[in-house]
Amino acid sequence: MTRRSPVKLRLVRRVVPWVAAVAALTAVPTASATPSGSAKPGRHQHFAVGPQYDTTHVYVAPGTEQAFVASWTSTFGGTTIGPVSTQVTPAPSRTLSELIVSPVGTLSVFDYTTPVPYPFGTERTGWLVTDLDQAVRAARADGAAVTVAPFTDPIGRDAVVQFPGGVNAQLYVHTTAPSYPAPASVPENRLYLPPDSVGAFLDSYLAFTQGRVVSDDRRADGAAIGLPGTTYRLIRLTSGFGATTVAVTDGHLPHPFGLETTGYGVPDLGATLERAKAAGATVLSGPVRAGGRESAVVRFPGGYVAEVHTDR
């Protein structure tokens, strides 16, 4: 793994922003969209800073943090900051935390040495926002529940919100602003929702993120989610917080679909999978071609499951 890049040197010289990356601890998709696919106008300001500051939260099995980091960086490249032993929850806890800044996205990795306080571990991502208190008020006004009220961490402040459909996201700010490079490809927050909750989710998520619907395919090829010969509804969203895909299904999903929280775009899927396998990862499903995309689902050391794809 690369240990001497300008990104790491800049962050290691300032421990505060480095640990700050660790504090971005819990998240999920945020949201709001009208049924027509456009955000409700003028409700509040834009809170997103940039997709490189929206970190996937990776909780690995105890004692596997280094194995996961080595496997990930061998597969995708990138720089790492950490690990550091710290507390990033309002209740007493301890975790080894490490930040990965990779070409396919930023990850906050947590290897807890104590039990994980609820509801941490249920969030999918951490979103850097311009103003935490205003963002929390806006999320609540847009139909999200504040499941963890704002709290102070070693390098900033955080809160956890839940959008309709049970999608959890951590919002955070840093005392000292971080500086990470933009990724070569923006990762996708991958959600699986039932028809009963997708409408409320879209209204809330798109309103908060000030996002929009890129596409809404009601007859997407089910082969992409392990169900060849069937169709499902696939919604693609975009906002300042990055990309989101929503699979609307009846929940009859074969393993491992639904376990992956994030999808990562690469230029050559075959070569990426070979590097992943050489680095200790396991291909759980695929590769499969569907809807103009070739994709696979991969489990990395420590248990993290990810979708990897090449769009053609």
C-alpha atoms as a PDB file:
ATOM      1  CA  MET A   1       0.000   0.000   0.000  1.00  0.00           C
ATOM      2  CA  THR A   2       1.198   3.518  -0.703  1.00  0.00           C
ATOM      3  CA  ARG A   3       2.436   5.249   2.460  1.00  0.00           C
ATOM      4  CA  ARG A   4       4.224   8.327   1.166  1.00  0.00           C
ATOM      5  CA  SER A   5       1.782  10.066  -1.152  1.00  0.00           C
ATOM      6  CA  PRO A   6       1.133  13.833  -0.833  1.00  0.00           C
ATOM      7  CA  VAL A   7      -2.336  13.030   0.500  1.00  0.00           C
ATOM      8  CA  LYS A   8      -1.012  11.011   3.384  1.00  0.00           C
ATOM      9  CA  LEU A   9       1.881  13.322   4.176  1.00  0.00           C
ATOM     10  CA  ARG A  10      -0.480  16.282   4.350  1.00  0.00           C
ATOM     11  CA  LEU A  11      -2.866  14.487   6.677  1.00  0.00           C
ATOM     12  CA  VAL A  12      -0.305  12.796   8.885  1.00  0.00           C
ATOM     13  CA  ARG A  13       1.336  16.149   9.604  1.00  0.00           C
ATOM     14  CA  ARG A  14      -1.976  17.212  11.094  1.00  0.00           C
ATOM     15  CA  VAL A  15      -3.386  14.522  13.342  1.00  0.00           C
ATOM     16  CA  VAL A  16      -6.677  16.348  13.811  1.00  0.00           C
ATOM     17  CA  PRO A  17      -7.909  16.086  10.221  1.00  0.00           C
ATOM     18  CA  TRP A  18      -6.634  12.531  10.124  1.00  0.00           C
ATOM     19  CA  VAL A  19      -8.632  11.422  13.144  1.00  0.00           C
ATOM     20  CA  ALA A  20     -11.475  13.459  11.764  1.00  0.00           C
ATOM     21  CA  ALA A  21     -11.739  11.011   8.936  1.00  0.00           C
ATOM     22  CA  VAL A  22     -12.231   8.334  11.558  1.00  0.00           C
ATOM     23  CA  ALA A  23     -15.047  10.293  13.137  1.00  0.00           C
ATOM     24  CA  ALA A  24     -17.172  10.150  10.012  1.00  0.00           C
ATOM     25  CA  LEU A  25     -18.646   7.033  11.424  1.00  0.00           C
ATOM     26  CA  THR A  26     -22.200   6.308  10.523  1.00  0.00           C
ATOM     27  CA  ALA A  27     -24.281   6.839   7.556  1.00  0.00           C
ATOM     28  CA  VAL A  28     -26.844   5.852   5.086  1.00  0.00           C
ATOM     29  CA  PRO A  29     -28.521   7.275   2.060  1.00  0.00           C
ATOM     30  CA  THR A  30     -30.096  10.644   2.577  1.00  0.00           C
ATOM     31  CA  ALA A  31     -32.854  11.930   0.482  1.00  0.00           C
ATOM     32  CA  SER A  32     -35.713  13.596  -1.190  1.00  0.00           C
ATOM     33  CA  ALA A  33     -37.273  13.567  -4.565  1.00  0.00           C
ATOM     34  CA  THR A  34     -40.650  14.210  -6.008  1.00  0.00           C
ATOM     35  CA  PRO A  35     -42.335  11.401  -7.941  1.00  0.00           C
ATOM     36  CA  SER A  36     -41.395  13.248 -11.136  1.00  0.00           C
ATOM     37  CA  GLY A  37     -37.722  12.893 -10.185  1.00  0.00           C
ATOM     38  CA  SER A  38     -36.736  16.451  -9.311  1.00  0.00           C
ATOM     39  CA  ALA A  39     -35.941  17.794  -5.865  1.00  0.00           C
ATOM     40  CA  LYS A  40     -38.370  20.121  -4.167  1.00  0.00           C
ATOM     41  CA  PRO A  41     -36.968  23.587  -4.952  1.00  0.00           C
ATOM     42  CA  GLY A  42     -35.718  26.192  -2.517  1.00  0.00           C
ATOM     43  CA  ARG A  43     -36.415  24.353   0.718  1.00  0.00           C
ATOM     44  CA  HIS A  44     -32.913  24.726   2.165  1.00  0.00           C
ATOM     45  CA  GLN A  45     -29.275  25.168   1.236  1.00  0.00           C
ATOM     46  CA  HIS A  46     -27.001  22.538  -0.276  1.00  0.00           C
ATOM     47  CA  PHE A  47     -25.058  20.782   2.480  1.00  0.00           C
ATOM     48  CA  ALA A  48     -22.823  18.477   0.415  1.00  0.00           C
ATOM     49  CA  VAL A  49     -19.090  19.235   0.229  1.00  0.00           C
ATOM     50  CA  GLY A  50     -18.004  16.608  -2.322  1.00  0.00           C
ATOM     51  CA  PRO A  51     -18.153  12.837  -2.944  1.00  0.00           C
ATOM     52  CA  GLN A  52     -14.555  12.331  -1.810  1.00  0.00           C
ATOM     53  CA  TYR A  53     -15.731  13.296   1.697  1.00  0.00           C
ATOM     54  CA  ASP A  54     -18.604  10.811   1.688  1.00  0.00           C
ATOM     55  CA  THR A  55     -16.973   7.733   3.142  1.00  0.00           C
ATOM     56  CA  THR A  56     -18.277   4.186   3.072  1.00  0.00           C
ATOM     57  CA  HIS A  57     -18.222   2.871   6.635  1.00  0.00           C
ATOM     58  CA  VAL A  58     -16.576  -0.535   6.786  1.00  0.00           C
ATOM     59  CA  TYR A  59     -16.903  -2.555  10.004  1.00  0.00           C
ATOM     60  CA  VAL A  60     -14.518  -5.486   9.827  1.00  0.00           C
ATOM     61  CA  ALA A  61     -14.300  -8.585  12.010  1.00  0.00           C
ATOM     62  CA  PRO A  62     -12.122  -8.017  15.089  1.00  0.00           C
ATOM     63  CA  GLY A  63      -8.428  -8.203  14.339  1.00  0.00           C
ATOM     64  CA  THR A  64      -8.771  -8.042  10.527  1.00  0.00           C
ATOM     65  CA  GLU A  65      -8.309  -4.330   9.850  1.00  0.00           C
ATOM     66  CA  GLN A  66      -4.803  -4.641   8.435  1.00  0.00           C
ATOM     67  CA  ALA A  67      -5.734  -7.619   6.251  1.00  0.00           C
ATOM     68  CA  PHE A  68      -8.668  -5.707   4.813  1.00  0.00           C
ATOM     69  CA  VAL A  69      -6.662  -2.557   4.138  1.00  0.00           C
ATOM     70  CA  ALA A  70      -3.873  -4.513   2.445  1.00  0.00           C
ATOM     71  CA  SER A  71      -6.356  -6.386   0.250  1.00  0.00           C
ATOM     72  CA  TRP A  72      -8.269  -3.245  -0.720  1.00  0.00           C
ATOM     73  CA  THR A  73      -5.226  -1.182  -1.644  1.00  0.00           C
ATOM     74  CA  SER A  74      -3.691  -4.090  -3.547  1.00  0.00           C
ATOM     75  CA  THR A  75      -6.901  -4.321  -5.563  1.00  0.00           C
ATOM     76  CA  PHE A  76      -7.684  -0.649  -6.177  1.00  0.00           C
ATOM     77  CA  GLY A  77      -4.623   1.336  -5.083  1.00  0.00           C
ATOM     78  CA  GLY A  78      -4.810   4.341  -2.797  1.00  0.00           C
ATOM     79  CA  THR A  79      -3.289   5.779   0.343  1.00  0.00           C
ATOM     80  CA  THR A  80      -4.031   5.032   3.982  1.00  0.00           C
ATOM     81  CA  ILE A  81      -4.057   7.079   7.150  1.00  0.00           C
ATOM     82  CA  GLY A  82      -3.911   5.162  10.403  1.00  0.00           C
ATOM     83  CA  PRO A  83      -4.705   2.975  12.135  1.00  0.00           C
ATOM     84  CA  VAL A  84      -5.406   4.892  15.315  1.00  0.00           C
ATOM     85  CA  SER A  85      -7.128   3.698  18.481  1.00  0.00           C
ATOM     86  CA  THR A  86      -9.906   6.130  19.331  1.00  0.00           C
ATOM     87  CA  GLN A  87     -13.495   6.652  20.459  1.00  0.00           C
ATOM     88  CA  VAL A  88     -15.866   7.821  17.742  1.00  0.00           C
ATOM     89  CA  THR A  89     -19.233   7.222  19.416  1.00  0.00           C
ATOM     90  CA  PRO A  90     -21.047   9.196  22.149  1.00  0.00           C
ATOM     91  CA  ALA A  91     -21.159   6.082  24.364  1.00  0.00           C
ATOM     92  CA  PRO A  92     -17.887   4.576  25.648  1.00  0.00           C
ATOM     93  CA  SER A  93     -16.201   2.395  23.013  1.00  0.00           C
ATOM     94  CA  ARG A  94     -12.853   1.794  21.368  1.00  0.00           C
ATOM     95  CA  THR A  95     -11.967   1.082  17.783  1.00  0.00           C
ATOM     96  CA  LEU A  96      -8.943   0.869  15.556  1.00  0.00           C
ATOM     97  CA  SER A  97      -9.804   3.249  12.732  1.00  0.00           C
ATOM     98  CA  GLU A  98      -8.126   3.774   9.391  1.00  0.00           C
ATOM     99  CA  LEU A  99      -8.950   5.967   6.428  1.00  0.00           C
ATOM    100  CA  ILE A 100      -8.450   4.744   2.857  1.00  0.00           C
ATOM    101  CA  VAL A 101      -8.385   7.334   0.075  1.00  0.00           C
ATOM    102  CA  SER A 102      -8.568   5.262  -3.109  1.00  0.00           C
ATOM    103  CA  PRO A 103      -9.266   5.972  -6.782  1.00  0.00           C
ATOM    104  CA  VAL A 104     -12.713   4.351  -6.432  1.00  0.00           C
ATOM    105  CA  GLY A 105     -13.773   6.149  -3.254  1.00  0.00           C
ATOM    106  CA  THR A 106     -12.994   6.914   0.372  1.00  0.00           C
ATOM    107  CA  LEU A 107     -13.525   4.347   3.134  1.00  0.00           C
ATOM    108  CA  SER A 108     -13.550   4.679   6.921  1.00  0.00           C
ATOM    109  CA  VAL A 109     -12.524   1.319   8.376  1.00  0.00           C
ATOM    110  CA  PHE A 110     -13.471   0.313  11.931  1.00  0.00           C
ATOM    111  CA  ASP A 111     -12.059  -2.645  13.855  1.00  0.00           C
ATOM    112  CA  TYR A 112     -13.697  -2.461  17.287  1.00  0.00           C
ATOM    113  CA  THR A 113     -11.866  -3.727  20.345  1.00  0.00           C
ATOM    114  CA  THR A 114     -15.026  -3.224  22.454  1.00  0.00           C
ATOM    115  CA  PRO A 115     -18.682  -3.983  21.710  1.00  0.00           C
ATOM    116  CA  VAL A 116     -20.115  -1.550  19.137  1.00  0.00           C
ATOM    117  CA  PRO A 117     -22.689   0.795  20.729  1.00  0.00           C
ATOM    118  CA  TYR A 118     -26.080   0.757  18.992  1.00  0.00           C
ATOM    119  CA  PRO A 119     -27.001   2.085  16.436  1.00  0.00           C
ATOM    120  CA  PHE A 120     -23.454   2.398  15.108  1.00  0.00           C
ATOM    121  CA  GLY A 121     -22.651  -0.196  12.493  1.00  0.00           C
ATOM    122  CA  THR A 122     -26.060   0.237  10.854  1.00  0.00           C
ATOM    123  CA  GLU A 123     -24.980   3.355   8.939  1.00  0.00           C
ATOM    124  CA  ARG A 124     -23.733   2.897   5.422  1.00  0.00           C
ATOM    125  CA  THR A 125     -21.790   6.095   4.860  1.00  0.00           C
ATOM    126  CA  GLY A 126     -20.568   9.287   6.501  1.00  0.00           C
ATOM    127  CA  TRP A 127     -21.366  12.596   4.782  1.00  0.00           C
ATOM    128  CA  LEU A 128     -19.344  15.744   5.350  1.00  0.00           C
ATOM    129  CA  VAL A 129     -21.766  18.690   5.525  1.00  0.00           C
ATOM    130  CA  THR A 130     -21.255  22.440   5.503  1.00  0.00           C
ATOM    131  CA  ASP A 131     -23.212  23.018   8.742  1.00  0.00           C
ATOM    132  CA  LEU A 132     -24.167  20.129  11.038  1.00  0.00           C
ATOM    133  CA  ASP A 133     -26.935  21.802  13.019  1.00  0.00           C
ATOM    134  CA  GLN A 134     -28.643  23.185   9.934  1.00  0.00           C
ATOM    135  CA  ALA A 135     -28.267  19.863   8.135  1.00  0.00           C
ATOM    136  CA  VAL A 136     -29.882  17.997  11.034  1.00  0.00           C
ATOM    137  CA  ARG A 137     -32.806  20.432  11.079  1.00  0.00           C
ATOM    138  CA  ALA A 138     -33.194  20.116   7.309  1.00  0.00           C
ATOM    139  CA  ALA A 139     -33.072  16.304   7.421  1.00  0.00           C
ATOM    140  CA  ARG A 140     -35.812  16.265  10.041  1.00  0.00           C
ATOM    141  CA  ALA A 141     -37.915  18.720   8.018  1.00  0.00           C
ATOM    142  CA  ASP A 142     -37.426  16.510   4.950  1.00  0.00           C
ATOM    143  CA  GLY A 143     -38.864  13.466   6.698  1.00  0.00           C
ATOM    144  CA  ALA A 144     -35.780  11.823   8.188  1.00  0.00           C
ATOM    145  CA  ALA A 145     -35.509  10.772  11.839  1.00  0.00           C
ATOM    146  CA  VAL A 146     -32.542  11.879  13.929  1.00  0.00           C
ATOM    147  CA  THR A 147     -31.507   8.562  15.503  1.00  0.00           C
ATOM    148  CA  VAL A 148     -28.325   9.908  17.150  1.00  0.00           C
ATOM    149  CA  ALA A 149     -28.461  13.551  18.228  1.00  0.00           C
ATOM    150  CA  PRO A 150     -25.403  15.708  17.514  1.00  0.00           C
ATOM    151  CA  PHE A 151     -22.362  14.809  19.612  1.00  0.00           C
ATOM    152  CA  THR A 152     -18.731  15.850  19.802  1.00  0.00           C
ATOM    153  CA  ASP A 153     -15.896  13.593  18.701  1.00  0.00           C
ATOM    154  CA  PRO A 154     -12.113  14.152  18.948  1.00  0.00           C
ATOM    155  CA  ILE A 155     -12.016  16.200  15.751  1.00  0.00           C
ATOM    156  CA  GLY A 156     -15.491  17.542  15.124  1.00  0.00           C
ATOM    157  CA  ARG A 157     -19.187  16.818  15.545  1.00  0.00           C
ATOM    158  CA  ASP A 158     -21.519  14.126  14.214  1.00  0.00           C
ATOM    159  CA  ALA A 159     -25.147  13.015  14.066  1.00  0.00           C
ATOM    160  CA  VAL A 160     -26.961  10.037  12.562  1.00  0.00           C
ATOM    161  CA  VAL A 161     -30.181  10.338  10.563  1.00  0.00           C
ATOM    162  CA  GLN A 162     -32.505   7.715   9.145  1.00  0.00           C
ATOM    163  CA  PHE A 163     -34.483   8.189   5.953  1.00  0.00           C
ATOM    164  CA  PRO A 164     -37.756   6.365   5.220  1.00  0.00           C
ATOM    165  CA  GLY A 165     -37.094   2.729   4.418  1.00  0.00           C
ATOM    166  CA  GLY A 166     -34.522   2.404   7.203  1.00  0.00           C
ATOM    167  CA  VAL A 167     -31.602   4.065   5.380  1.00  0.00           C
ATOM    168  CA  ASN A 168     -29.105   5.415   7.928  1.00  0.00           C
ATOM    169  CA  ALA A 169     -26.461   8.061   7.296  1.00  0.00           C
ATOM    170  CA  GLN A 170     -23.991   9.858   9.515  1.00  0.00           C
ATOM    171  CA  LEU A 171     -23.542  13.583   9.026  1.00  0.00           C
ATOM    172  CA  TYR A 172     -20.321  15.144  10.241  1.00  0.00           C
ATOM    173  CA  VAL A 173     -18.163  18.262  10.340  1.00  0.00           C
ATOM    174  CA  HIS A 174     -14.462  18.593  11.156  1.00  0.00           C
ATOM    175  CA  THR A 175     -12.857  21.192  13.354  1.00  0.00           C
ATOM    176  CA  THR A 176     -10.088  21.467  10.753  1.00  0.00           C
ATOM    177  CA  ALA A 177     -11.331  21.049   7.184  1.00  0.00           C
ATOM    178  CA  PRO A 178      -9.978  17.888   5.485  1.00  0.00           C
ATOM    179  CA  SER A 179      -8.521  17.856   1.977  1.00  0.00           C
ATOM    180  CA  TYR A 180      -8.819  14.675  -0.119  1.00  0.00           C
ATOM    181  CA  PRO A 181      -8.458  14.313  -3.885  1.00  0.00           C
ATOM    182  CA  ALA A 182     -11.531  13.631  -5.996  1.00  0.00           C
ATOM    183  CA  PRO A 183     -11.898   9.911  -6.881  1.00  0.00           C
ATOM    184  CA  ALA A 184     -11.343   8.676 -10.411  1.00  0.00           C
ATOM    185  CA  SER A 185     -14.846   7.173 -10.270  1.00  0.00           C
ATOM    186  CA  VAL A 186     -17.635   8.142  -7.866  1.00  0.00           C
ATOM    187  CA  PRO A 187     -18.857   5.132  -5.859  1.00  0.00           C
ATOM    188  CA  GLU A 188     -22.546   4.203  -5.767  1.00  0.00           C
ATOM    189  CA  ASN A 189     -24.517   3.947  -2.563  1.00  0.00           C
ATOM    190  CA  ARG A 190     -26.521   0.763  -3.265  1.00  0.00           C
ATOM    191  CA  LEU A 191     -29.937   0.411  -1.634  1.00  0.00           C
ATOM    192  CA  TYR A 192     -32.550  -2.348  -1.713  1.00  0.00           C
ATOM    193  CA  LEU A 193     -36.043  -1.123  -0.833  1.00  0.00           C
ATOM    194  CA  PRO A 194     -39.563  -2.571  -0.987  1.00  0.00           C
ATOM    195  CA  PRO A 195     -42.275  -0.914  -3.093  1.00  0.00           C
ATOM    196  CA  ASP A 196     -44.070   0.124   0.098  1.00  0.00           C
ATOM    197  CA  SER A 197     -41.323   2.539   1.194  1.00  0.00           C
ATOM    198  CA  VAL A 198     -39.570   3.673  -1.978  1.00  0.00           C
ATOM    199  CA  GLY A 199     -41.887   6.643  -2.592  1.00  0.00           C
ATOM    200  CA  ALA A 200     -41.394   8.093   0.881  1.00  0.00           C
ATOM    201  CA  PHE A 201     -37.667   7.428   0.636  1.00  0.00           C
ATOM    202  CA  LEU A 202     -37.329   9.270  -2.666  1.00  0.00           C
ATOM    203  CA  ASP A 203     -39.308  12.260  -1.402  1.00  0.00           C
ATOM    204  CA  SER A 204     -37.131  12.560   1.696  1.00  0.00           C
ATOM    205  CA  TYR A 205     -33.773  11.639   0.169  1.00  0.00           C
ATOM    206  CA  LEU A 206     -33.981  13.908  -2.851  1.00  0.00           C
ATOM    207  CA  ALA A 207     -35.274  16.835  -0.806  1.00  0.00           C
ATOM    208  CA  PHE A 208     -32.373  16.652   1.632  1.00  0.00           C
ATOM    209  CA  THR A 209     -29.620  15.932  -0.896  1.00  0.00           C
ATOM    210  CA  GLN A 210     -31.041  18.385  -3.453  1.00  0.00           C
ATOM    211  CA  GLY A 211     -30.588  15.524  -5.881  1.00  0.00           C
ATOM    212  CA  ARG A 212     -32.345  14.306  -8.982  1.00  0.00           C
ATOM    213  CA  VAL A 213     -33.414  11.075 -10.641  1.00  0.00           C
ATOM    214  CA  VAL A 214     -31.038  10.138 -13.474  1.00  0.00           C
ATOM    215  CA  SER A 215     -33.089   7.153 -14.632  1.00  0.00           C
ATOM    216  CA  ASP A 216     -36.003   4.996 -13.479  1.00  0.00           C
ATOM    217  CA  ASP A 217     -36.139   1.622 -15.228  1.00  0.00           C
ATOM    218  CA  ARG A 218     -39.172  -0.423 -14.167  1.00  0.00           C
ATOM    219  CA  ARG A 219     -38.043  -3.441 -16.182  1.00  0.00           C
ATOM    220  CA  ALA A 220     -34.343  -3.703 -15.389  1.00  0.00           C
ATOM    221  CA  ASP A 221     -32.669  -7.051 -16.060  1.00  0.00           C
ATOM    222  CA  GLY A 222     -32.850  -9.166 -12.900  1.00  0.00           C
ATOM    223  CA  ALA A 223     -29.609 -10.939 -13.830  1.00  0.00           C
ATOM    224  CA  ALA A 224     -27.794  -7.966 -12.267  1.00  0.00           C
ATOM    225  CA  ILE A 225     -29.112  -8.976  -8.828  1.00  0.00           C
ATOM    226  CA  GLY A 226     -28.894 -12.733  -9.228  1.00  0.00           C
ATOM    227  CA  LEU A 227     -32.375 -13.226 -10.724  1.00  0.00           C
ATOM    228  CA  PRO A 228     -31.959 -13.967 -14.453  1.00  0.00           C
ATOM    229  CA  GLY A 229     -35.184 -14.147 -16.414  1.00  0.00           C
ATOM    230  CA  THR A 230     -36.903 -11.600 -14.148  1.00  0.00           C
ATOM    231  CA  THR A 231     -37.207  -7.824 -14.021  1.00  0.00           C
ATOM    232  CA  TYR A 232     -37.116  -5.280 -11.218  1.00  0.00           C
ATOM    233  CA  ARG A 233     -37.262  -1.513 -10.789  1.00  0.00           C
ATOM    234  CA  LEU A 234     -33.862   0.211 -10.823  1.00  0.00           C
ATOM    235  CA  ILE A 235     -33.597   3.897  -9.935  1.00  0.00           C
ATOM    236  CA  ARG A 236     -30.371   5.874 -10.337  1.00  0.00           C
ATOM    237  CA  LEU A 237     -29.958   9.126  -8.377  1.00  0.00           C
ATOM    238  CA  THR A 238     -27.266  11.786  -8.241  1.00  0.00           C
ATOM    239  CA  SER A 239     -26.525  14.700  -5.924  1.00  0.00           C
ATOM    240  CA  GLY A 240     -23.632  16.581  -4.377  1.00  0.00           C
ATOM    241  CA  PHE A 241     -23.249  13.583  -2.054  1.00  0.00           C
ATOM    242  CA  GLY A 242     -22.523  11.297  -5.003  1.00  0.00           C
ATOM    243  CA  ALA A 243     -24.384   8.503  -6.795  1.00  0.00           C
ATOM    244  CA  THR A 244     -27.121   6.260  -5.417  1.00  0.00           C
ATOM    245  CA  THR A 245     -28.815   3.226  -6.957  1.00  0.00           C
ATOM    246  CA  VAL A 246     -32.096   1.915  -5.587  1.00  0.00           C
ATOM    247  CA  ALA A 247     -33.230  -1.631  -6.364  1.00  0.00           C
ATOM    248  CA  VAL A 248     -36.956  -1.955  -5.688  1.00  0.00           C
ATOM    249  CA  THR A 249     -37.692  -5.649  -5.087  1.00  0.00           C
ATOM    250  CA  ASP A 250     -39.969  -8.086  -3.281  1.00  0.00           C
ATOM    251  CA  GLY A 251     -37.076  -9.098  -1.046  1.00  0.00           C
ATOM    252  CA  HIS A 252     -36.662 -12.548  -2.640  1.00  0.00           C
ATOM    253  CA  LEU A 253     -32.963 -11.968  -3.159  1.00  0.00           C
ATOM    254  CA  PRO A 254     -30.342 -14.693  -3.532  1.00  0.00           C
ATOM    255  CA  HIS A 255     -27.144 -14.406  -1.526  1.00  0.00           C
ATOM    256  CA  PRO A 256     -25.110 -12.126  -1.546  1.00  0.00           C
ATOM    257  CA  PHE A 257     -27.322  -9.403  -3.027  1.00  0.00           C
ATOM    258  CA  GLY A 258     -28.412  -6.805  -0.489  1.00  0.00           C
ATOM    259  CA  LEU A 259     -25.249  -7.303   1.568  1.00  0.00           C
ATOM    260  CA  GLU A 260     -23.236  -4.923  -0.612  1.00  0.00           C
ATOM    261  CA  THR A 261     -23.553  -1.312   0.519  1.00  0.00           C
ATOM    262  CA  THR A 262     -21.449   0.314  -2.185  1.00  0.00           C
ATOM    263  CA  GLY A 263     -20.669  -0.226  -5.865  1.00  0.00           C
ATOM    264  CA  TYR A 264     -17.273   0.687  -7.314  1.00  0.00           C
ATOM    265  CA  GLY A 265     -16.581   1.508 -10.960  1.00  0.00           C
ATOM    266  CA  VAL A 266     -13.363   0.250 -12.566  1.00  0.00           C
ATOM    267  CA  PRO A 267     -12.056   0.395 -16.157  1.00  0.00           C
ATOM    268  CA  ASP A 268     -11.418  -3.375 -16.416  1.00  0.00           C
ATOM    269  CA  LEU A 269     -13.530  -5.678 -14.260  1.00  0.00           C
ATOM    270  CA  GLY A 270     -11.640  -8.859 -15.144  1.00  0.00           C
ATOM    271  CA  ALA A 271      -8.252  -7.431 -14.198  1.00  0.00           C
ATOM    272  CA  THR A 272      -9.680  -5.978 -10.988  1.00  0.00           C
ATOM    273  CA  LEU A 273     -11.159  -9.314  -9.941  1.00  0.00           C
ATOM    274  CA  GLU A 274      -7.855 -11.064 -10.561  1.00  0.00           C
ATOM    275  CA  ARG A 275      -6.061  -8.555  -8.320  1.00  0.00           C
ATOM    276  CA  ALA A 276      -8.768  -8.937  -5.671  1.00  0.00           C
ATOM    277  CA  LYS A 277      -8.469 -12.737  -5.628  1.00  0.00           C
ATOM    278  CA  ALA A 278      -4.688 -12.519  -5.447  1.00  0.00           C
ATOM    279  CA  ALA A 279      -5.089 -10.201  -2.462  1.00  0.00           C
ATOM    280  CA  GLY A 280      -7.292 -12.609  -0.497  1.00  0.00           C
ATOM    281  CA  ALA A 281     -10.773 -11.524  -1.622  1.00  0.00           C
ATOM    282  CA  THR A 282     -13.511 -13.921  -2.757  1.00  0.00           C
ATOM    283  CA  VAL A 283     -15.809 -13.423  -5.745  1.00  0.00           C
ATOM    284  CA  LEU A 284     -19.267 -14.310  -4.412  1.00  0.00           C
ATOM    285  CA  SER A 285     -21.245 -13.685  -7.597  1.00  0.00           C
ATOM    286  CA  GLY A 286     -20.531 -12.914 -11.251  1.00  0.00           C
ATOM    287  CA  PRO A 287     -19.198 -11.547 -13.417  1.00  0.00           C
ATOM    288  CA  VAL A 288     -22.516 -10.962 -15.168  1.00  0.00           C
ATOM    289  CA  ARG A 289     -23.545  -8.618 -17.994  1.00  0.00           C
ATOM    290  CA  ALA A 290     -26.868  -6.794 -17.647  1.00  0.00           C
ATOM    291  CA  GLY A 291     -28.174  -3.369 -18.569  1.00  0.00           C
ATOM    292  CA  GLY A 292     -24.962  -2.170 -20.178  1.00  0.00           C
ATOM    293  CA  ARG A 293     -22.884  -3.114 -17.154  1.00  0.00           C
ATOM    294  CA  GLU A 294     -20.582  -5.987 -16.263  1.00  0.00           C
ATOM    295  CA  SER A 295     -20.551  -6.577 -12.508  1.00  0.00           C
ATOM    296  CA  ALA A 296     -19.529  -8.901  -9.702  1.00  0.00           C
ATOM    297  CA  VAL A 297     -19.928  -9.054  -5.949  1.00  0.00           C
ATOM    298  CA  VAL A 298     -16.754  -9.482  -3.906  1.00  0.00           C
ATOM    299  CA  ARG A 299     -16.065 -10.186  -0.224  1.00  0.00           C
ATOM    300  CA  PHE A 300     -12.830  -8.782   1.170  1.00  0.00           C
ATOM    301  CA  PRO A 301     -10.910 -10.027   4.228  1.00  0.00           C
ATOM    302  CA  GLY A 302     -12.744  -8.921   7.362  1.00  0.00           C
ATOM    303  CA  GLY A 303     -16.146  -9.538   5.767  1.00  0.00           C
ATOM    304  CA  TYR A 304     -16.779  -6.371   3.761  1.00  0.00           C
ATOM    305  CA  VAL A 305     -18.936  -7.080   0.685  1.00  0.00           C
ATOM    306  CA  ALA A 306     -18.793  -4.763  -2.345  1.00  0.00           C
ATOM    307  CA  GLU A 307     -20.170  -4.622  -5.858  1.00  0.00           C
ATOM    308  CA  VAL A 308     -17.557  -3.923  -8.559  1.00  0.00           C
ATOM    309  CA  HIS A 309     -18.542  -2.973 -12.096  1.00  0.00           C
ATOM    310  CA  THR A 310     -17.505  -1.724 -15.513  1.00  0.00           C
ATOM    311  CA  ASP A 311     -20.039   0.238 -17.559  1.00  0.00           C
ATOM    312  CA  ARG A 312     -19.926  -0.379 -21.304  1.00  0.00           C
END
